[in-house]
């Protein structure tokens, strides 16, 4: 039996962001419950739909290099890093809005909330971007594989103070 409009709307509201569009509801109304769920799950992506920030793969300056910086250089670095943090947040929000597979971003958000890290604990924004990529790559995959990735994730290790433990 095909989904009712209210059921399709409810399913889409649970697996995406914002109010479902009429065309999304209409597409699911043609399907039964199992087919609708399968349709949504088949849309999961492992890559972002939008281009990452240009600095996303920049390596972190080494500790010994940072020790030679002047106070002005350190302040400039920190200011730029805070700007990048806001830019990363904007990129992810854009990804949530533009993705053809909102369920993917819902799952990335789930894992982001489960494996907590923060800018204050990590300090180097490209590591947080890479963590987001890891969540997306494993969003609906094998939990054990995601867990193995997270225990060696540089952002997680910084957040948990692994470099000092």
N, C-alpha and C. Protein backbone atom coordinates (compact mmCIF):
# COMPACT_ATOMS: atom_id res chain seq x y z
N UNK A 1 0.84 -1.18 0.00
CA UNK A 1 0.00 0.00 0.00
C UNK A 1 0.89 1.25 0.00
N UNK A 2 0.60 2.19 -0.86
CA UNK A 2 1.38 3.42 -1.00
C UNK A 2 1.26 4.28 0.26
N UNK A 3 2.28 5.07 0.51
CA UNK A 3 2.28 5.96 1.67
C UNK A 3 1.25 7.07 1.51
N UNK A 4 0.68 7.45 2.62
CA UNK A 4 -0.15 8.66 2.66
C UNK A 4 0.79 9.86 2.68
N UNK A 5 0.30 11.01 2.30
CA UNK A 5 1.12 12.23 2.27
C UNK A 5 1.69 12.55 3.65
N UNK A 6 0.87 12.37 4.70
CA UNK A 6 1.36 12.66 6.05
C UNK A 6 2.49 11.72 6.46
N UNK A 7 2.38 10.45 6.07
CA UNK A 7 3.45 9.49 6.39
C UNK A 7 4.73 9.83 5.63
N UNK A 8 4.59 10.19 4.37
CA UNK A 8 5.76 10.57 3.57
C UNK A 8 6.41 11.83 4.16
N UNK A 9 5.61 12.80 4.54
CA UNK A 9 6.11 14.04 5.14
C UNK A 9 6.84 13.73 6.44
N UNK A 10 6.26 12.85 7.26
CA UNK A 10 6.88 12.49 8.54
C UNK A 10 8.23 11.80 8.31
N UNK A 11 8.27 10.85 7.39
CA UNK A 11 9.52 10.14 7.09
C UNK A 11 10.59 11.11 6.60
N UNK A 12 10.22 12.00 5.72
CA UNK A 12 11.18 12.98 5.21
C UNK A 12 11.64 13.95 6.30
N UNK A 13 10.73 14.33 7.19
CA UNK A 13 11.11 15.23 8.28
C UNK A 13 12.12 14.58 9.21
N UNK A 14 12.04 13.26 9.35
CA UNK A 14 12.96 12.52 10.22
C UNK A 14 14.30 12.23 9.57
N UNK A 15 14.36 12.32 8.26
CA UNK A 15 15.59 11.92 7.56
C UNK A 15 16.24 13.07 6.79
N UNK A 16 15.74 14.27 6.98
CA UNK A 16 16.33 15.43 6.29
C UNK A 16 16.25 16.64 7.20
N UNK A 17 16.47 17.81 6.65
CA UNK A 17 16.43 19.06 7.41
C UNK A 17 15.31 19.93 6.88
N UNK A 18 14.61 20.60 7.76
CA UNK A 18 13.57 21.52 7.33
C UNK A 18 12.31 20.81 6.88
N UNK A 19 11.43 21.59 6.28
CA UNK A 19 10.17 21.04 5.79
C UNK A 19 10.38 20.33 4.46
N UNK A 20 9.80 19.15 4.31
CA UNK A 20 9.92 18.45 3.03
C UNK A 20 9.22 19.23 1.92
N UNK A 21 9.83 19.21 0.74
CA UNK A 21 9.24 19.88 -0.42
C UNK A 21 8.13 19.02 -1.01
N UNK A 22 7.16 19.64 -1.67
CA UNK A 22 6.06 18.88 -2.28
C UNK A 22 6.54 17.80 -3.26
N UNK A 23 7.59 18.08 -4.03
CA UNK A 23 8.09 17.07 -4.98
C UNK A 23 8.70 15.87 -4.26
N UNK A 24 9.32 16.10 -3.10
CA UNK A 24 9.89 15.00 -2.32
C UNK A 24 8.76 14.13 -1.76
N UNK A 25 7.72 14.77 -1.27
CA UNK A 25 6.56 14.04 -0.73
C UNK A 25 5.90 13.24 -1.84
N UNK A 26 5.71 13.86 -3.00
CA UNK A 26 5.06 13.18 -4.13
C UNK A 26 5.85 11.95 -4.56
N UNK A 27 7.19 12.04 -4.54
CA UNK A 27 8.01 10.90 -4.95
C UNK A 27 7.83 9.72 -4.01
N UNK A 28 7.68 9.99 -2.72
CA UNK A 28 7.51 8.90 -1.75
C UNK A 28 6.09 8.36 -1.73
N UNK A 29 5.11 9.18 -2.10
CA UNK A 29 3.72 8.73 -2.09
C UNK A 29 3.46 7.60 -3.08
N UNK A 30 4.33 7.46 -4.04
CA UNK A 30 4.20 6.39 -5.03
C UNK A 30 4.70 5.05 -4.49
N UNK A 31 5.36 5.08 -3.33
CA UNK A 31 6.02 3.89 -2.80
C UNK A 31 5.34 3.38 -1.54
N UNK A 32 5.53 2.09 -1.26
CA UNK A 32 5.06 1.57 0.03
C UNK A 32 6.13 1.90 1.08
N UNK A 33 5.88 1.55 2.33
CA UNK A 33 6.80 1.92 3.42
C UNK A 33 8.21 1.38 3.19
N UNK A 34 8.32 0.11 2.89
CA UNK A 34 9.64 -0.51 2.69
C UNK A 34 10.37 0.13 1.52
N UNK A 35 9.67 0.39 0.43
CA UNK A 35 10.29 1.01 -0.73
C UNK A 35 10.72 2.45 -0.43
N UNK A 36 9.92 3.16 0.36
CA UNK A 36 10.26 4.55 0.71
C UNK A 36 11.53 4.59 1.56
N UNK A 37 11.61 3.70 2.52
CA UNK A 37 12.82 3.63 3.37
C UNK A 37 14.03 3.26 2.51
N UNK A 38 13.86 2.28 1.64
CA UNK A 38 14.94 1.86 0.75
C UNK A 38 15.39 3.01 -0.15
N UNK A 39 14.43 3.78 -0.66
CA UNK A 39 14.72 4.94 -1.51
C UNK A 39 15.59 5.95 -0.75
N UNK A 40 15.25 6.22 0.48
CA UNK A 40 16.02 7.18 1.29
C UNK A 40 17.41 6.64 1.62
N UNK A 41 17.48 5.37 2.00
CA UNK A 41 18.78 4.78 2.35
C UNK A 41 19.70 4.66 1.14
N UNK A 42 19.14 4.43 -0.03
CA UNK A 42 19.96 4.33 -1.24
C UNK A 42 20.56 5.67 -1.64
N UNK A 43 20.04 6.75 -1.09
CA UNK A 43 20.55 8.08 -1.42
C UNK A 43 21.79 8.46 -0.61
N UNK A 44 22.15 7.66 0.40
CA UNK A 44 23.29 7.99 1.25
C UNK A 44 24.56 8.11 0.42
N UNK A 45 25.31 9.17 0.67
CA UNK A 45 26.56 9.45 -0.04
C UNK A 45 27.74 9.35 0.93
N UNK A 46 28.91 9.08 0.39
CA UNK A 46 30.10 9.04 1.23
C UNK A 46 31.01 10.24 0.96
N UNK A 47 30.64 11.08 0.02
CA UNK A 47 31.41 12.28 -0.31
C UNK A 47 30.51 13.51 -0.19
N UNK A 48 31.08 14.63 0.16
CA UNK A 48 30.32 15.88 0.26
C UNK A 48 29.91 16.35 -1.13
N UNK A 49 28.79 17.03 -1.20
CA UNK A 49 28.30 17.56 -2.48
C UNK A 49 28.94 18.89 -2.81
N UNK A 50 29.43 19.60 -1.79
CA UNK A 50 30.03 20.92 -2.00
C UNK A 50 31.54 20.84 -1.81
N UNK A 51 32.23 21.74 -2.46
CA UNK A 51 33.70 21.77 -2.37
C UNK A 51 34.13 22.19 -0.96
N UNK A 52 35.18 21.55 -0.44
CA UNK A 52 35.67 21.92 0.89
C UNK A 52 36.38 23.27 0.85
N UNK A 53 36.59 23.86 2.01
CA UNK A 53 37.40 25.10 2.06
C UNK A 53 38.80 24.84 1.50
N UNK A 54 39.40 25.86 0.94
CA UNK A 54 40.71 25.70 0.28
C UNK A 54 41.80 25.22 1.23
N UNK A 55 41.68 25.50 2.50
CA UNK A 55 42.70 25.15 3.48
C UNK A 55 42.47 23.79 4.13
N UNK A 56 41.46 23.05 3.71
CA UNK A 56 41.01 21.85 4.41
C UNK A 56 42.08 20.78 4.61
N UNK A 57 43.05 20.72 3.74
CA UNK A 57 44.07 19.67 3.86
C UNK A 57 45.44 20.22 4.26
N UNK A 58 45.45 21.44 4.74
CA UNK A 58 46.71 22.05 5.19
C UNK A 58 47.27 21.31 6.40
N UNK A 59 48.56 21.01 6.40
CA UNK A 59 49.13 20.36 7.59
C UNK A 59 49.28 21.36 8.74
N UNK A 60 49.20 20.84 9.94
CA UNK A 60 49.35 21.68 11.12
C UNK A 60 50.83 22.05 11.28
N UNK A 61 51.11 23.32 11.58
CA UNK A 61 52.51 23.71 11.85
C UNK A 61 53.02 22.93 13.06
N UNK A 62 54.22 22.44 12.95
CA UNK A 62 54.81 21.66 14.04
C UNK A 62 55.01 22.47 15.31
N UNK A 63 55.06 21.76 16.42
CA UNK A 63 55.22 22.41 17.72
C UNK A 63 56.52 23.21 17.78
N UNK A 64 57.60 22.63 17.26
CA UNK A 64 58.89 23.33 17.30
C UNK A 64 58.85 24.60 16.45
N UNK A 65 58.13 24.55 15.34
CA UNK A 65 57.99 25.75 14.50
C UNK A 65 57.19 26.81 15.25
N UNK A 66 56.10 26.40 15.88
CA UNK A 66 55.25 27.36 16.61
C UNK A 66 56.00 27.99 17.79
N UNK A 67 56.94 27.28 18.36
CA UNK A 67 57.72 27.81 19.48
C UNK A 67 58.59 28.99 19.06
N UNK A 68 58.92 29.09 17.78
CA UNK A 68 59.78 30.18 17.29
C UNK A 68 58.97 31.42 16.92
N UNK A 69 57.64 31.31 16.93
CA UNK A 69 56.80 32.43 16.50
C UNK A 69 56.81 33.57 17.53
N UNK A 70 56.71 34.78 17.01
CA UNK A 70 56.54 35.94 17.89
C UNK A 70 55.12 35.95 18.42
N UNK A 71 54.88 36.79 19.40
CA UNK A 71 53.53 36.92 19.96
C UNK A 71 52.55 37.39 18.88
N UNK A 72 53.00 38.32 18.05
CA UNK A 72 52.15 38.81 16.95
C UNK A 72 51.80 37.69 15.99
N UNK A 73 52.77 36.87 15.63
CA UNK A 73 52.54 35.73 14.70
C UNK A 73 51.57 34.75 15.33
N UNK A 74 51.70 34.49 16.59
CA UNK A 74 50.80 33.55 17.28
C UNK A 74 49.37 34.10 17.30
N UNK A 75 49.23 35.41 17.60
CA UNK A 75 47.89 36.01 17.61
C UNK A 75 47.26 35.97 16.21
N UNK A 76 48.07 36.25 15.20
CA UNK A 76 47.58 36.20 13.81
C UNK A 76 47.13 34.79 13.44
N UNK A 77 47.93 33.82 13.81
CA UNK A 77 47.59 32.42 13.55
C UNK A 77 46.27 32.06 14.23
N UNK A 78 46.12 32.43 15.50
CA UNK A 78 44.90 32.10 16.24
C UNK A 78 43.68 32.80 15.65
N UNK A 79 43.86 34.05 15.24
CA UNK A 79 42.75 34.79 14.62
C UNK A 79 42.32 34.12 13.32
N UNK A 80 43.30 33.75 12.49
CA UNK A 80 42.98 33.07 11.23
C UNK A 80 42.31 31.73 11.49
N UNK A 81 42.76 31.03 12.50
CA UNK A 81 42.18 29.72 12.82
C UNK A 81 40.73 29.87 13.30
N UNK A 82 40.44 30.90 14.10
CA UNK A 82 39.04 31.14 14.52
C UNK A 82 38.16 31.48 13.32
N UNK A 83 38.71 32.25 12.38
CA UNK A 83 37.98 32.56 11.15
C UNK A 83 37.69 31.28 10.38
N UNK A 84 38.68 30.40 10.28
CA UNK A 84 38.49 29.12 9.60
C UNK A 84 37.44 28.26 10.29
N UNK A 85 37.37 28.33 11.60
CA UNK A 85 36.36 27.57 12.34
C UNK A 85 34.96 28.02 11.92
N UNK A 86 34.77 29.33 11.84
CA UNK A 86 33.47 29.84 11.39
C UNK A 86 33.22 29.47 9.93
N UNK A 87 34.26 29.49 9.13
CA UNK A 87 34.13 29.10 7.73
C UNK A 87 33.76 27.62 7.60
N UNK A 88 34.36 26.78 8.44
CA UNK A 88 34.02 25.35 8.43
C UNK A 88 32.57 25.14 8.83
N UNK A 89 32.12 25.85 9.84
CA UNK A 89 30.72 25.73 10.24
C UNK A 89 29.79 26.13 9.09
N UNK A 90 30.13 27.24 8.41
CA UNK A 90 29.34 27.68 7.27
C UNK A 90 29.34 26.66 6.14
N UNK A 91 30.51 26.04 5.90
CA UNK A 91 30.60 25.02 4.85
C UNK A 91 29.68 23.85 5.18
N UNK A 92 29.69 23.41 6.43
CA UNK A 92 28.88 22.25 6.79
C UNK A 92 27.39 22.59 6.70
N UNK A 93 27.01 23.76 7.14
CA UNK A 93 25.60 24.17 7.01
C UNK A 93 25.21 24.21 5.54
N UNK A 94 26.08 24.74 4.70
CA UNK A 94 25.83 24.76 3.26
C UNK A 94 25.67 23.33 2.73
N UNK A 95 26.51 22.44 3.18
CA UNK A 95 26.42 21.03 2.77
C UNK A 95 25.09 20.44 3.20
N UNK A 96 24.65 20.75 4.40
CA UNK A 96 23.35 20.25 4.88
C UNK A 96 22.20 20.74 4.00
N UNK A 97 22.30 21.98 3.56
CA UNK A 97 21.23 22.57 2.76
C UNK A 97 21.27 22.14 1.30
N UNK A 98 22.46 21.90 0.75
CA UNK A 98 22.59 21.64 -0.68
C UNK A 98 22.70 20.16 -1.05
N UNK A 99 22.94 19.31 -0.09
CA UNK A 99 23.16 17.91 -0.40
C UNK A 99 21.92 17.28 -1.05
N UNK A 100 22.13 16.41 -2.03
CA UNK A 100 21.00 15.67 -2.59
C UNK A 100 20.58 14.51 -1.67
N UNK A 101 21.34 14.28 -0.61
CA UNK A 101 21.07 13.18 0.32
C UNK A 101 21.09 13.69 1.75
N UNK A 102 20.02 14.37 2.19
CA UNK A 102 20.03 14.93 3.55
C UNK A 102 20.20 13.88 4.65
N UNK A 103 19.80 12.65 4.38
CA UNK A 103 19.99 11.60 5.40
C UNK A 103 21.47 11.45 5.73
N UNK A 104 22.32 11.64 4.74
CA UNK A 104 23.76 11.55 4.98
C UNK A 104 24.18 12.56 6.04
N UNK A 105 23.76 13.80 5.86
CA UNK A 105 24.15 14.85 6.81
C UNK A 105 23.50 14.65 8.17
N UNK A 106 22.31 14.06 8.21
CA UNK A 106 21.70 13.73 9.51
C UNK A 106 22.57 12.70 10.24
N UNK A 107 23.08 11.73 9.49
CA UNK A 107 23.95 10.73 10.09
C UNK A 107 25.29 11.33 10.51
N UNK A 108 25.85 12.22 9.68
CA UNK A 108 27.10 12.89 10.04
C UNK A 108 26.89 13.67 11.34
N UNK A 109 25.76 14.34 11.46
CA UNK A 109 25.45 15.08 12.69
C UNK A 109 25.30 14.13 13.88
N UNK A 110 24.69 12.99 13.67
CA UNK A 110 24.56 11.99 14.74
C UNK A 110 25.94 11.57 15.23
N UNK A 111 26.84 11.22 14.31
CA UNK A 111 28.18 10.77 14.71
C UNK A 111 28.99 11.91 15.31
N UNK A 112 28.78 13.13 14.79
CA UNK A 112 29.46 14.30 15.35
C UNK A 112 29.05 14.50 16.81
N UNK A 113 27.79 14.26 17.12
CA UNK A 113 27.32 14.39 18.50
C UNK A 113 27.74 13.21 19.37
N UNK A 114 27.91 12.05 18.76
CA UNK A 114 28.30 10.85 19.51
C UNK A 114 29.80 10.88 19.84
N UNK A 115 30.63 11.17 18.85
CA UNK A 115 32.08 11.25 19.03
C UNK A 115 32.43 12.73 19.17
N UNK A 116 32.27 13.23 20.35
CA UNK A 116 32.39 14.67 20.58
C UNK A 116 33.83 15.15 20.48
N UNK A 117 33.99 16.26 19.80
CA UNK A 117 35.24 17.01 19.80
C UNK A 117 34.85 18.48 19.64
N UNK A 118 35.80 19.37 19.81
CA UNK A 118 35.46 20.79 19.73
C UNK A 118 36.65 21.59 19.23
N UNK A 119 36.37 22.77 18.75
CA UNK A 119 37.42 23.67 18.32
C UNK A 119 38.36 23.99 19.49
N UNK A 120 37.79 24.24 20.66
CA UNK A 120 38.61 24.59 21.82
C UNK A 120 39.56 23.46 22.20
N UNK A 121 39.14 22.21 21.99
CA UNK A 121 39.99 21.09 22.35
C UNK A 121 40.96 20.68 21.27
N UNK A 122 40.62 20.96 20.01
CA UNK A 122 41.44 20.51 18.89
C UNK A 122 42.37 21.62 18.40
N UNK A 123 41.84 22.81 18.26
CA UNK A 123 42.58 24.01 17.85
C UNK A 123 42.95 24.09 16.36
N UNK A 124 43.14 22.99 15.68
CA UNK A 124 43.53 23.05 14.26
C UNK A 124 42.34 22.63 13.41
N UNK A 125 41.72 23.59 12.75
CA UNK A 125 40.46 23.40 12.04
C UNK A 125 40.52 22.34 10.94
N UNK A 126 41.60 22.23 10.15
CA UNK A 126 41.62 21.17 9.15
C UNK A 126 41.43 19.76 9.73
N UNK A 127 41.84 19.55 10.97
CA UNK A 127 41.60 18.24 11.60
C UNK A 127 40.11 18.02 11.83
N UNK A 128 39.40 19.08 12.17
CA UNK A 128 37.94 18.96 12.36
C UNK A 128 37.25 18.70 11.03
N UNK A 129 37.75 19.31 9.97
CA UNK A 129 37.20 19.03 8.64
C UNK A 129 37.42 17.56 8.30
N UNK A 130 38.62 17.06 8.52
CA UNK A 130 38.92 15.65 8.20
C UNK A 130 38.04 14.70 9.03
N UNK A 131 37.75 15.09 10.26
CA UNK A 131 36.86 14.27 11.08
C UNK A 131 35.46 14.23 10.47
N UNK A 132 34.99 15.37 9.98
CA UNK A 132 33.70 15.43 9.32
C UNK A 132 33.68 14.52 8.09
N UNK A 133 34.77 14.49 7.35
CA UNK A 133 34.89 13.62 6.17
C UNK A 133 34.80 12.15 6.61
N UNK A 134 35.45 11.81 7.71
CA UNK A 134 35.41 10.44 8.23
C UNK A 134 33.99 10.06 8.62
N UNK A 135 33.28 10.94 9.29
CA UNK A 135 31.89 10.66 9.65
C UNK A 135 31.05 10.40 8.40
N UNK A 136 31.24 11.20 7.37
CA UNK A 136 30.46 11.05 6.14
C UNK A 136 30.80 9.74 5.45
N UNK A 137 32.09 9.42 5.38
CA UNK A 137 32.53 8.20 4.70
C UNK A 137 31.94 6.95 5.37
N UNK A 138 31.79 7.01 6.67
CA UNK A 138 31.31 5.83 7.41
C UNK A 138 29.90 6.02 7.98
N UNK A 139 29.20 7.02 7.53
CA UNK A 139 27.91 7.41 8.13
C UNK A 139 26.95 6.25 8.30
N UNK A 140 26.77 5.47 7.29
CA UNK A 140 25.80 4.36 7.36
C UNK A 140 26.50 3.02 7.20
N UNK A 141 27.79 3.01 7.40
CA UNK A 141 28.55 1.78 7.21
C UNK A 141 28.66 0.97 8.49
N UNK A 142 29.70 0.20 8.54
CA UNK A 142 29.97 -0.68 9.66
C UNK A 142 30.45 0.15 10.86
N UNK A 143 29.75 0.00 12.00
CA UNK A 143 30.10 0.78 13.18
C UNK A 143 31.51 0.47 13.67
N UNK A 144 31.90 -0.78 13.58
CA UNK A 144 33.24 -1.17 14.02
C UNK A 144 34.31 -0.42 13.22
N UNK A 145 34.11 -0.31 11.91
CA UNK A 145 35.06 0.42 11.07
C UNK A 145 35.11 1.90 11.45
N UNK A 146 33.95 2.49 11.70
CA UNK A 146 33.91 3.89 12.14
C UNK A 146 34.64 4.04 13.46
N UNK A 147 34.39 3.15 14.39
CA UNK A 147 35.04 3.19 15.69
C UNK A 147 36.56 3.06 15.55
N UNK A 148 37.02 2.17 14.69
CA UNK A 148 38.46 2.03 14.47
C UNK A 148 39.05 3.31 13.90
N UNK A 149 38.32 3.97 13.01
CA UNK A 149 38.80 5.23 12.46
C UNK A 149 38.85 6.32 13.54
N UNK A 150 37.85 6.33 14.42
CA UNK A 150 37.77 7.39 15.42
C UNK A 150 38.82 7.25 16.51
N UNK A 151 39.25 6.04 16.83
CA UNK A 151 40.26 5.90 17.89
C UNK A 151 41.64 6.34 17.43
N UNK A 152 41.81 6.51 16.11
CA UNK A 152 43.08 7.03 15.60
C UNK A 152 42.90 8.37 14.91
N UNK A 153 41.71 8.95 15.01
CA UNK A 153 41.43 10.24 14.37
C UNK A 153 42.23 11.34 15.07
N UNK A 154 43.02 12.12 14.31
CA UNK A 154 43.84 13.17 14.94
C UNK A 154 43.02 14.18 15.75
N UNK A 155 41.86 14.59 15.24
CA UNK A 155 41.04 15.55 15.99
C UNK A 155 40.59 14.94 17.32
N UNK A 156 40.19 13.68 17.29
CA UNK A 156 39.75 13.02 18.53
C UNK A 156 40.91 12.88 19.51
N UNK A 157 42.08 12.53 18.99
CA UNK A 157 43.24 12.39 19.87
C UNK A 157 43.63 13.72 20.50
N UNK A 158 43.56 14.80 19.74
CA UNK A 158 43.83 16.12 20.31
C UNK A 158 42.77 16.46 21.36
N UNK A 159 41.50 16.22 21.02
CA UNK A 159 40.41 16.56 21.93
C UNK A 159 40.53 15.80 23.26
N UNK A 160 40.92 14.55 23.17
CA UNK A 160 41.06 13.72 24.37
C UNK A 160 42.44 13.87 25.02
N UNK A 161 43.22 14.81 24.52
CA UNK A 161 44.54 15.09 25.04
C UNK A 161 45.47 13.89 24.92
N UNK A 162 45.29 13.13 23.84
CA UNK A 162 46.09 11.94 23.61
C UNK A 162 47.57 12.20 23.42
N UNK A 163 47.93 13.41 23.01
CA UNK A 163 49.34 13.72 22.80
C UNK A 163 50.08 13.83 24.13
N UNK A 164 49.36 14.01 25.21
CA UNK A 164 50.02 14.13 26.54
C UNK A 164 49.82 12.88 27.40
N UNK A 165 48.92 12.02 27.00
CA UNK A 165 48.62 10.81 27.80
C UNK A 165 49.50 9.65 27.39
